[in-house]
Amino acid sequence: ASVPAVSEADILRLTGLGASGRRTGKGSRPKKPKDMPRRPLSAYNVFFKEERARILDSRSSEEEDNDSGNESNDGNDDSSAGKAKEEGGKNRGKRKKRGQGAPHRKIGFENLAKTIGARWKTLSGPAMEQCKALAEEDMERYKSEMDEYHRRQCAKKKRKEEMPPGGEGEDE
């Protein structure tokens, strides 16, 4: 019972990746239109947003208290310069993609998410109700914006159907 040989092309085809290592069109979704409304936030999303702001505010006030006499960010200030030297300056002048790195440099996303998740699990009734109420408000906003969006899309489709064909049959 020998195992059949599998080529690299077969592996890429089976995983849905092209030769460049990126996903092929088969598994990708079409881009969302720019004028489409943003999805509503859940109660957890509302809580996460508020807690994140609260944590970052408390961290910044702690850092201001610590910075009165000496610098506490000795390693953080030189980290980007050190990386550029290590890489030989190959990324010089290139922009970072959004989502890379933490702009506040106060807490990593993993620690932030774990902290907020633990707080969410122990959230009391009134605070939970407030988050749910805000999430319901956002859902109402989303529904009304989606109704308006669908009306605009229908109107756009009707205008397109009513337009005469653009010059077909004139060249015959």
N, C-alpha and C. Protein backbone atom coordinates (compact mmCIF):
# COMPACT_ATOMS: atom_id res chain seq x y z
N ALA A 1 0.85 -1.18 0.00
CA ALA A 1 0.00 0.00 0.00
C ALA A 1 0.89 1.23 0.00
N SER A 2 1.22 1.69 -1.19
CA SER A 2 2.06 2.88 -1.30
C SER A 2 1.19 4.13 -1.34
N VAL A 3 1.75 5.21 -0.86
CA VAL A 3 1.05 6.49 -0.83
C VAL A 3 1.28 7.18 -2.16
N PRO A 4 0.21 7.65 -2.82
CA PRO A 4 0.40 8.32 -4.11
C PRO A 4 1.14 9.64 -3.93
N ALA A 5 1.97 9.97 -4.90
CA ALA A 5 2.72 11.22 -4.86
C ALA A 5 1.78 12.39 -5.11
N VAL A 6 1.95 13.44 -4.33
CA VAL A 6 1.11 14.63 -4.46
C VAL A 6 2.02 15.78 -4.86
N SER A 7 1.67 16.42 -5.95
CA SER A 7 2.50 17.53 -6.41
C SER A 7 2.15 18.81 -5.66
N GLU A 8 3.04 19.78 -5.75
CA GLU A 8 2.80 21.08 -5.11
C GLU A 8 1.57 21.75 -5.70
N ALA A 9 1.36 21.59 -7.01
CA ALA A 9 0.20 22.18 -7.68
C ALA A 9 -1.10 21.60 -7.12
N ASP A 10 -1.09 20.27 -6.84
CA ASP A 10 -2.28 19.63 -6.26
C ASP A 10 -2.58 20.18 -4.87
N ILE A 11 -1.53 20.40 -4.09
CA ILE A 11 -1.71 20.94 -2.73
C ILE A 11 -2.32 22.33 -2.80
N LEU A 12 -1.77 23.17 -3.69
CA LEU A 12 -2.29 24.54 -3.82
C LEU A 12 -3.75 24.52 -4.29
N ARG A 13 -4.07 23.62 -5.22
CA ARG A 13 -5.43 23.54 -5.74
C ARG A 13 -6.39 23.09 -4.64
N LEU A 14 -6.00 22.10 -3.85
CA LEU A 14 -6.86 21.58 -2.80
C LEU A 14 -7.06 22.56 -1.65
N THR A 15 -6.06 23.38 -1.37
CA THR A 15 -6.18 24.36 -0.29
C THR A 15 -6.84 25.64 -0.74
N GLY A 16 -7.08 25.79 -2.06
CA GLY A 16 -7.73 27.00 -2.56
C GLY A 16 -6.78 28.15 -2.74
N LEU A 17 -5.48 27.86 -2.76
CA LEU A 17 -4.48 28.92 -2.92
C LEU A 17 -3.93 28.89 -4.34
N GLY A 18 -3.62 30.05 -4.86
CA GLY A 18 -3.00 30.16 -6.17
C GLY A 18 -1.50 29.97 -6.06
N ALA A 19 -0.79 30.10 -7.17
CA ALA A 19 0.66 29.91 -7.19
C ALA A 19 1.36 30.93 -6.30
N SER A 20 0.76 32.11 -6.15
CA SER A 20 1.39 33.15 -5.33
C SER A 20 1.15 32.92 -3.84
N GLY A 21 0.35 31.92 -3.49
CA GLY A 21 0.06 31.66 -2.09
C GLY A 21 -1.18 32.40 -1.60
N ARG A 22 -1.81 33.17 -2.48
CA ARG A 22 -3.03 33.90 -2.10
C ARG A 22 -4.25 33.09 -2.51
N ARG A 23 -5.37 33.41 -1.88
CA ARG A 23 -6.61 32.73 -2.21
C ARG A 23 -7.02 33.02 -3.65
N THR A 24 -7.54 32.01 -4.30
CA THR A 24 -8.06 32.21 -5.65
C THR A 24 -9.46 32.78 -5.55
N GLY A 25 -10.04 33.20 -6.65
CA GLY A 25 -11.35 33.83 -6.66
C GLY A 25 -12.47 32.94 -6.18
N LYS A 26 -12.25 31.63 -6.16
CA LYS A 26 -13.30 30.69 -5.80
C LYS A 26 -13.83 30.91 -4.38
N GLY A 27 -12.95 31.15 -3.43
CA GLY A 27 -13.38 31.27 -2.04
C GLY A 27 -13.54 32.69 -1.56
N SER A 28 -13.24 33.66 -2.41
CA SER A 28 -13.29 35.04 -1.93
C SER A 28 -14.69 35.62 -2.07
N ARG A 29 -15.00 36.57 -1.21
CA ARG A 29 -16.29 37.23 -1.24
C ARG A 29 -16.18 38.53 -2.01
N PRO A 30 -17.27 38.96 -2.64
CA PRO A 30 -17.23 40.26 -3.31
C PRO A 30 -17.14 41.37 -2.27
N LYS A 31 -16.52 42.49 -2.66
CA LYS A 31 -16.39 43.61 -1.74
C LYS A 31 -17.75 44.25 -1.49
N LYS A 32 -17.91 44.73 -0.26
CA LYS A 32 -19.14 45.40 0.14
C LYS A 32 -19.15 46.80 -0.46
N PRO A 33 -20.30 47.25 -0.99
CA PRO A 33 -20.36 48.62 -1.53
C PRO A 33 -20.04 49.65 -0.45
N LYS A 34 -19.39 50.74 -0.86
CA LYS A 34 -18.97 51.77 0.09
C LYS A 34 -20.14 52.47 0.76
N ASP A 35 -21.27 52.58 0.05
CA ASP A 35 -22.41 53.30 0.63
C ASP A 35 -23.31 52.41 1.48
N MET A 36 -22.93 51.15 1.65
CA MET A 36 -23.72 50.23 2.47
C MET A 36 -23.51 50.55 3.95
N PRO A 37 -24.58 50.54 4.75
CA PRO A 37 -24.45 50.87 6.19
C PRO A 37 -23.58 49.86 6.93
N ARG A 38 -22.93 50.35 7.98
CA ARG A 38 -22.12 49.48 8.84
C ARG A 38 -23.03 48.57 9.63
N ARG A 39 -22.56 47.35 9.90
CA ARG A 39 -23.35 46.40 10.68
C ARG A 39 -23.49 46.90 12.11
N PRO A 40 -24.56 46.48 12.79
CA PRO A 40 -24.76 46.96 14.17
C PRO A 40 -23.79 46.29 15.14
N LEU A 41 -23.52 46.99 16.23
CA LEU A 41 -22.67 46.44 17.28
C LEU A 41 -23.51 45.57 18.20
N SER A 42 -22.94 44.46 18.65
CA SER A 42 -23.61 43.63 19.64
C SER A 42 -23.38 44.24 21.02
N ALA A 43 -24.05 43.69 22.03
CA ALA A 43 -23.87 44.19 23.40
C ALA A 43 -22.40 44.03 23.81
N TYR A 44 -21.78 42.91 23.43
CA TYR A 44 -20.37 42.69 23.76
C TYR A 44 -19.49 43.71 23.05
N ASN A 45 -19.80 44.01 21.78
CA ASN A 45 -19.01 45.01 21.04
C ASN A 45 -19.09 46.37 21.71
N VAL A 46 -20.28 46.74 22.17
CA VAL A 46 -20.46 48.02 22.86
C VAL A 46 -19.62 48.03 24.14
N PHE A 47 -19.70 46.93 24.90
CA PHE A 47 -18.94 46.82 26.14
C PHE A 47 -17.44 46.87 25.85
N PHE A 48 -17.00 46.15 24.83
CA PHE A 48 -15.58 46.12 24.48
C PHE A 48 -15.07 47.51 24.15
N LYS A 49 -15.85 48.24 23.36
CA LYS A 49 -15.47 49.59 22.95
C LYS A 49 -15.30 50.50 24.17
N GLU A 50 -16.28 50.44 25.09
CA GLU A 50 -16.23 51.29 26.29
C GLU A 50 -15.09 50.88 27.21
N GLU A 51 -14.93 49.57 27.42
CA GLU A 51 -13.87 49.08 28.32
C GLU A 51 -12.49 49.39 27.76
N ARG A 52 -12.32 49.25 26.46
CA ARG A 52 -11.03 49.54 25.84
C ARG A 52 -10.64 50.99 26.11
N ALA A 53 -11.59 51.89 25.90
CA ALA A 53 -11.32 53.31 26.14
C ALA A 53 -10.98 53.54 27.62
N ARG A 54 -11.73 52.88 28.51
CA ARG A 54 -11.50 53.03 29.94
C ARG A 54 -10.10 52.52 30.33
N ILE A 55 -9.73 51.36 29.82
CA ILE A 55 -8.42 50.77 30.14
C ILE A 55 -7.30 51.65 29.62
N LEU A 56 -7.42 52.11 28.38
CA LEU A 56 -6.36 52.95 27.81
C LEU A 56 -6.25 54.28 28.54
N ASP A 57 -7.38 54.84 28.96
CA ASP A 57 -7.34 56.09 29.74
C ASP A 57 -6.63 55.87 31.07
N SER A 58 -6.95 54.76 31.74
CA SER A 58 -6.32 54.50 33.04
C SER A 58 -4.82 54.24 32.86
N ARG A 59 -4.45 53.57 31.78
CA ARG A 59 -3.03 53.31 31.52
C ARG A 59 -2.28 54.61 31.22
N SER A 60 -2.91 55.52 30.47
CA SER A 60 -2.23 56.77 30.13
C SER A 60 -2.06 57.64 31.37
N SER A 61 -3.06 57.63 32.27
CA SER A 61 -2.91 58.42 33.50
C SER A 61 -1.84 57.81 34.40
N GLU A 62 -1.71 56.48 34.42
CA GLU A 62 -0.65 55.83 35.19
C GLU A 62 0.72 56.19 34.62
N GLU A 63 0.84 56.21 33.29
CA GLU A 63 2.12 56.55 32.66
C GLU A 63 2.50 57.99 32.93
N GLU A 64 1.52 58.91 32.93
CA GLU A 64 1.81 60.31 33.22
C GLU A 64 2.35 60.46 34.63
N ASP A 65 1.80 59.68 35.58
CA ASP A 65 2.29 59.71 36.95
C ASP A 65 3.72 59.16 37.03
N ASN A 66 4.03 58.11 36.26
CA ASN A 66 5.35 57.49 36.28
C ASN A 66 6.40 58.32 35.55
N ASP A 67 6.03 59.13 34.59
CA ASP A 67 6.97 59.90 33.76
C ASP A 67 7.43 61.18 34.42
N SER A 68 7.07 61.44 35.68
CA SER A 68 7.43 62.71 36.32
C SER A 68 8.95 62.89 36.44
N GLY A 69 9.73 61.81 36.68
CA GLY A 69 11.16 61.97 36.86
C GLY A 69 12.01 61.26 35.83
N ASN A 70 11.58 60.07 35.41
CA ASN A 70 12.40 59.30 34.47
C ASN A 70 11.56 58.73 33.34
N GLU A 71 12.23 58.34 32.28
CA GLU A 71 11.54 57.77 31.13
C GLU A 71 11.24 56.30 31.41
N SER A 72 10.00 55.88 31.24
CA SER A 72 9.65 54.48 31.45
C SER A 72 9.58 53.72 30.14
N ASN A 73 9.65 54.41 29.01
CA ASN A 73 9.51 53.77 27.71
C ASN A 73 10.84 53.67 26.97
N ASP A 74 11.93 53.38 27.68
CA ASP A 74 13.23 53.33 27.03
C ASP A 74 13.25 52.35 25.88
N GLY A 75 12.69 51.14 26.06
CA GLY A 75 12.72 50.13 25.01
C GLY A 75 11.76 50.43 23.88
N ASN A 76 10.63 51.03 24.18
CA ASN A 76 9.62 51.25 23.15
C ASN A 76 10.02 52.32 22.15
N ASP A 77 10.75 53.34 22.57
CA ASP A 77 11.10 54.43 21.67
C ASP A 77 12.04 53.98 20.57
N ASP A 78 12.96 53.05 20.88
CA ASP A 78 13.97 52.64 19.92
C ASP A 78 13.58 51.38 19.17
N SER A 79 12.43 50.77 19.48
CA SER A 79 12.09 49.49 18.88
C SER A 79 11.91 49.59 17.37
N SER A 80 11.26 50.63 16.88
CA SER A 80 11.05 50.74 15.44
C SER A 80 12.36 51.04 14.72
N ALA A 81 13.22 51.84 15.32
CA ALA A 81 14.52 52.13 14.71
C ALA A 81 15.38 50.87 14.69
N GLY A 82 15.32 50.09 15.75
CA GLY A 82 16.08 48.84 15.81
C GLY A 82 15.61 47.85 14.76
N LYS A 83 14.32 47.76 14.54
CA LYS A 83 13.78 46.86 13.52
C LYS A 83 14.24 47.28 12.14
N ALA A 84 14.23 48.58 11.87
CA ALA A 84 14.66 49.08 10.55
C ALA A 84 16.12 48.74 10.31
N LYS A 85 16.96 48.85 11.36
CA LYS A 85 18.38 48.52 11.21
C LYS A 85 18.56 47.03 10.95
N GLU A 86 17.79 46.18 11.68
CA GLU A 86 17.89 44.74 11.51
C GLU A 86 17.50 44.32 10.10
N GLU A 87 16.48 44.95 9.54
CA GLU A 87 15.99 44.59 8.22
C GLU A 87 16.80 45.25 7.12
N GLY A 88 17.80 46.02 7.47
CA GLY A 88 18.61 46.67 6.47
C GLY A 88 17.89 47.82 5.79
N GLY A 89 16.87 48.34 6.41
CA GLY A 89 16.15 49.48 5.86
C GLY A 89 15.30 49.13 4.65
N LYS A 90 14.94 47.85 4.46
CA LYS A 90 14.20 47.48 3.26
C LYS A 90 12.78 48.05 3.24
N ASN A 91 12.22 48.37 4.38
CA ASN A 91 10.86 48.92 4.43
C ASN A 91 10.87 50.43 4.58
N ARG A 92 12.00 51.05 4.34
CA ARG A 92 12.10 52.50 4.51
C ARG A 92 11.15 53.18 3.53
N GLY A 93 10.35 54.10 4.05
CA GLY A 93 9.45 54.87 3.21
C GLY A 93 8.12 54.18 2.94
N LYS A 94 7.99 52.92 3.33
CA LYS A 94 6.72 52.22 3.09
C LYS A 94 5.80 52.44 4.27
N ARG A 95 4.51 52.55 3.97
CA ARG A 95 3.52 52.73 5.03
C ARG A 95 3.20 51.38 5.65
N LYS A 96 2.88 51.40 6.92
CA LYS A 96 2.40 50.20 7.57
C LYS A 96 0.94 50.00 7.20
N LYS A 97 0.55 48.74 7.04
CA LYS A 97 -0.85 48.46 6.78
C LYS A 97 -1.64 48.72 8.05
N ARG A 98 -2.88 49.12 7.90
CA ARG A 98 -3.72 49.38 9.06
C ARG A 98 -3.91 48.07 9.82
N GLY A 99 -3.86 48.15 11.10
CA GLY A 99 -4.07 46.97 11.92
C GLY A 99 -2.77 46.35 12.37
N GLN A 100 -1.64 46.79 11.84
CA GLN A 100 -0.36 46.25 12.28
C GLN A 100 0.15 47.08 13.44
N GLY A 101 0.47 46.43 14.52
CA GLY A 101 1.00 47.15 15.67
C GLY A 101 -0.10 47.83 16.46
N ALA A 102 0.23 48.24 17.66
CA ALA A 102 -0.73 48.93 18.51
C ALA A 102 -0.34 50.39 18.58
N PRO A 103 -1.17 51.30 18.07
CA PRO A 103 -0.79 52.70 18.05
C PRO A 103 -0.61 53.30 19.44
N HIS A 104 -1.30 52.77 20.45
CA HIS A 104 -1.18 53.34 21.79
C HIS A 104 0.02 52.77 22.54
N ARG A 105 0.50 51.60 22.15
CA ARG A 105 1.68 50.96 22.76
C ARG A 105 1.56 50.78 24.27
N LYS A 106 0.35 50.65 24.76
CA LYS A 106 0.15 50.54 26.20
C LYS A 106 -0.17 49.11 26.62
N ILE A 107 -0.94 48.41 25.80
CA ILE A 107 -1.32 47.04 26.12
C ILE A 107 -1.54 46.31 24.80
N GLY A 108 -1.10 45.06 24.73
CA GLY A 108 -1.29 44.27 23.52
C GLY A 108 -2.74 43.86 23.36
N PHE A 109 -3.15 43.58 22.13
CA PHE A 109 -4.55 43.25 21.88
C PHE A 109 -4.95 41.97 22.60
N GLU A 110 -4.06 40.98 22.62
CA GLU A 110 -4.39 39.72 23.27
C GLU A 110 -4.70 39.93 24.75
N ASN A 111 -3.85 40.65 25.45
CA ASN A 111 -4.08 40.93 26.88
C ASN A 111 -5.34 41.77 27.07
N LEU A 112 -5.52 42.74 26.19
CA LEU A 112 -6.71 43.60 26.26
C LEU A 112 -7.97 42.75 26.11
N ALA A 113 -7.99 41.87 25.11
CA ALA A 113 -9.16 41.04 24.85
C ALA A 113 -9.43 40.08 26.01
N LYS A 114 -8.38 39.50 26.58
CA LYS A 114 -8.56 38.59 27.72
C LYS A 114 -9.12 39.33 28.92
N THR A 115 -8.60 40.52 29.18
CA THR A 115 -9.06 41.32 30.32
C THR A 115 -10.53 41.69 30.14
N ILE A 116 -10.86 42.18 28.96
CA ILE A 116 -12.24 42.62 28.71
C ILE A 116 -13.18 41.42 28.70
N GLY A 117 -12.75 40.29 28.15
CA GLY A 117 -13.58 39.09 28.15
C GLY A 117 -13.90 38.62 29.56
N ALA A 118 -12.90 38.67 30.43
CA ALA A 118 -13.11 38.27 31.83
C ALA A 118 -14.09 39.22 32.51
N ARG A 119 -13.95 40.52 32.22
CA ARG A 119 -14.87 41.50 32.81
C ARG A 119 -16.29 41.30 32.29
N TRP A 120 -16.42 40.93 31.01
CA TRP A 120 -17.74 40.71 30.41
C TRP A 120 -18.45 39.55 31.11
N LYS A 121 -17.69 38.49 31.43
CA LYS A 121 -18.28 37.32 32.07
C LYS A 121 -18.81 37.64 33.46
N THR A 122 -18.21 38.62 34.13
CA THR A 122 -18.63 38.96 35.49
C THR A 122 -19.47 40.24 35.53
N LEU A 123 -19.96 40.68 34.38
CA LEU A 123 -20.70 41.94 34.31
C LEU A 123 -22.02 41.84 35.07
N SER A 124 -22.33 42.88 35.83
CA SER A 124 -23.56 42.90 36.64
C SER A 124 -24.77 43.26 35.78
N GLY A 125 -25.96 43.11 36.35
CA GLY A 125 -27.22 43.35 35.65
C GLY A 125 -27.39 44.72 35.03
N PRO A 126 -27.26 45.81 35.80
CA PRO A 126 -27.51 47.14 35.23
C PRO A 126 -26.54 47.50 34.10
N ALA A 127 -25.28 47.14 34.25
CA ALA A 127 -24.30 47.44 33.20
C ALA A 127 -24.59 46.62 31.95
N MET A 128 -24.99 45.36 32.16
CA MET A 128 -25.34 44.49 31.03
C MET A 128 -26.56 45.04 30.30
N GLU A 129 -27.55 45.49 31.06
CA GLU A 129 -28.76 46.05 30.45
C GLU A 129 -28.44 47.30 29.64
N GLN A 130 -27.52 48.12 30.14
CA GLN A 130 -27.14 49.32 29.41
C GLN A 130 -26.49 48.95 28.08
N CYS A 131 -25.62 47.95 28.09
CA CYS A 131 -24.97 47.50 26.85
C CYS A 131 -25.99 46.94 25.87
N LYS A 132 -26.94 46.16 26.40
CA LYS A 132 -27.98 45.60 25.53
C LYS A 132 -28.86 46.69 24.94
N ALA A 133 -29.17 47.71 25.74
CA ALA A 133 -30.00 48.82 25.25
C ALA A 133 -29.27 49.58 24.14
N LEU A 134 -27.97 49.83 24.33
CA LEU A 134 -27.19 50.51 23.29
C LEU A 134 -27.11 49.66 22.02
N ALA A 135 -26.99 48.34 22.20
CA ALA A 135 -26.94 47.45 21.04
C ALA A 135 -28.27 47.45 20.29
N GLU A 136 -29.38 47.50 21.03
CA GLU A 136 -30.70 47.57 20.39
C GLU A 136 -30.87 48.87 19.62
N GLU A 137 -30.39 49.98 20.20
CA GLU A 137 -30.44 51.27 19.50
C GLU A 137 -29.66 51.19 18.19
N ASP A 138 -28.50 50.57 18.26
CA ASP A 138 -27.66 50.47 17.07
C ASP A 138 -28.34 49.57 16.03
N MET A 139 -29.03 48.53 16.48
CA MET A 139 -29.76 47.65 15.57
C MET A 139 -30.87 48.42 14.86
N GLU A 140 -31.57 49.29 15.60
CA GLU A 140 -32.62 50.11 14.99
C GLU A 140 -32.02 51.05 13.95
N ARG A 141 -30.88 51.65 14.28
CA ARG A 141 -30.19 52.52 13.32
C ARG A 141 -29.85 51.74 12.06
N TYR A 142 -29.33 50.54 12.25
CA TYR A 142 -28.93 49.71 11.11
C TYR A 142 -30.14 49.35 10.25
N LYS A 143 -31.23 48.96 10.89
CA LYS A 143 -32.43 48.58 10.13
C LYS A 143 -32.95 49.75 9.30
N SER A 144 -33.01 50.94 9.91
CA SER A 144 -33.52 52.10 9.16
C SER A 144 -32.56 52.47 8.03
N GLU A 145 -31.25 52.42 8.29
CA GLU A 145 -30.28 52.73 7.24
C GLU A 145 -30.32 51.69 6.12
N MET A 146 -30.56 50.42 6.48
CA MET A 146 -30.65 49.38 5.45
C MET A 146 -31.92 49.54 4.62
N ASP A 147 -33.03 49.93 5.25
CA ASP A 147 -34.26 50.20 4.49
C ASP A 147 -34.00 51.30 3.46
N GLU A 148 -33.37 52.37 3.90
CA GLU A 148 -33.04 53.48 3.00
C GLU A 148 -32.08 53.02 1.91
N TYR A 149 -31.11 52.21 2.27
CA TYR A 149 -30.14 51.70 1.30
C TYR A 149 -30.84 50.86 0.24
N HIS A 150 -31.75 49.98 0.67
CA HIS A 150 -32.48 49.13 -0.28
C HIS A 150 -33.37 49.98 -1.20
N ARG A 151 -33.99 51.03 -0.65
CA ARG A 151 -34.80 51.93 -1.49
C ARG A 151 -33.93 52.57 -2.56
N ARG A 152 -32.76 53.04 -2.16
CA ARG A 152 -31.85 53.67 -3.13
C ARG A 152 -31.41 52.66 -4.19
N GLN A 153 -31.13 51.42 -3.78
CA GLN A 153 -30.70 50.40 -4.73
C GLN A 153 -31.81 50.07 -5.72
N CYS A 154 -33.06 49.97 -5.23
CA CYS A 154 -34.20 49.70 -6.12
C CYS A 154 -34.39 50.84 -7.11
N ALA A 155 -34.30 52.07 -6.63
CA ALA A 155 -34.46 53.23 -7.50
C ALA A 155 -33.35 53.25 -8.55
N LYS A 156 -32.15 52.91 -8.15
CA LYS A 156 -31.02 52.89 -9.08
C LYS A 156 -31.24 51.81 -10.15
N LYS A 157 -31.76 50.66 -9.70
CA LYS A 157 -32.01 49.55 -10.63
C LYS A 157 -33.11 49.91 -11.63
N LYS A 158 -34.18 50.59 -11.14
CA LYS A 158 -35.27 51.00 -12.03
C LYS A 158 -34.77 51.99 -13.07
N ARG A 159 -33.97 52.96 -12.64
CA ARG A 159 -33.42 53.95 -13.58
C ARG A 159 -32.57 53.27 -14.64
N LYS A 160 -31.82 52.26 -14.23
CA LYS A 160 -30.96 51.55 -15.17
C LYS A 160 -31.80 50.78 -16.19
N GLU A 161 -32.91 50.16 -15.73
CA GLU A 161 -33.79 49.40 -16.62
C GLU A 161 -34.53 50.32 -17.58
N GLU A 162 -34.89 51.53 -17.13
CA GLU A 162 -35.64 52.47 -17.96
C GLU A 162 -34.78 53.10 -19.04
N MET A 163 -33.47 53.15 -18.84
CA MET A 163 -32.58 53.77 -19.82
C MET A 163 -32.60 52.96 -21.11
N PRO A 164 -32.66 53.64 -22.25
CA PRO A 164 -32.61 52.91 -23.52
C PRO A 164 -31.22 52.31 -23.71
N PRO A 165 -31.15 51.20 -24.42
CA PRO A 165 -29.83 50.60 -24.65
C PRO A 165 -28.91 51.60 -25.32
N GLY A 166 -27.69 51.65 -24.88
CA GLY A 166 -26.72 52.67 -25.33
C GLY A 166 -26.18 52.42 -26.72
N GLY A 167 -26.95 52.78 -27.74
CA GLY A 167 -26.46 52.77 -29.11
C GLY A 167 -26.39 51.40 -29.76
N GLU A 168 -27.10 50.42 -29.23
CA GLU A 168 -27.06 49.10 -29.85
C GLU A 168 -27.89 49.12 -31.13
N GLY A 169 -27.42 48.51 -32.16
CA GLY A 169 -28.16 48.39 -33.41
C GLY A 169 -27.93 49.52 -34.38
N GLU A 170 -27.22 50.58 -34.01
CA GLU A 170 -26.99 51.70 -34.91
C GLU A 170 -25.93 51.39 -35.95
N ASP A 171 -24.97 50.52 -35.62
CA ASP A 171 -23.85 50.25 -36.52
C ASP A 171 -24.18 49.23 -37.58
N GLU A 172 -25.32 48.57 -37.54
CA GLU A 172 -25.65 47.52 -38.49
C GLU A 172 -25.97 48.01 -39.85
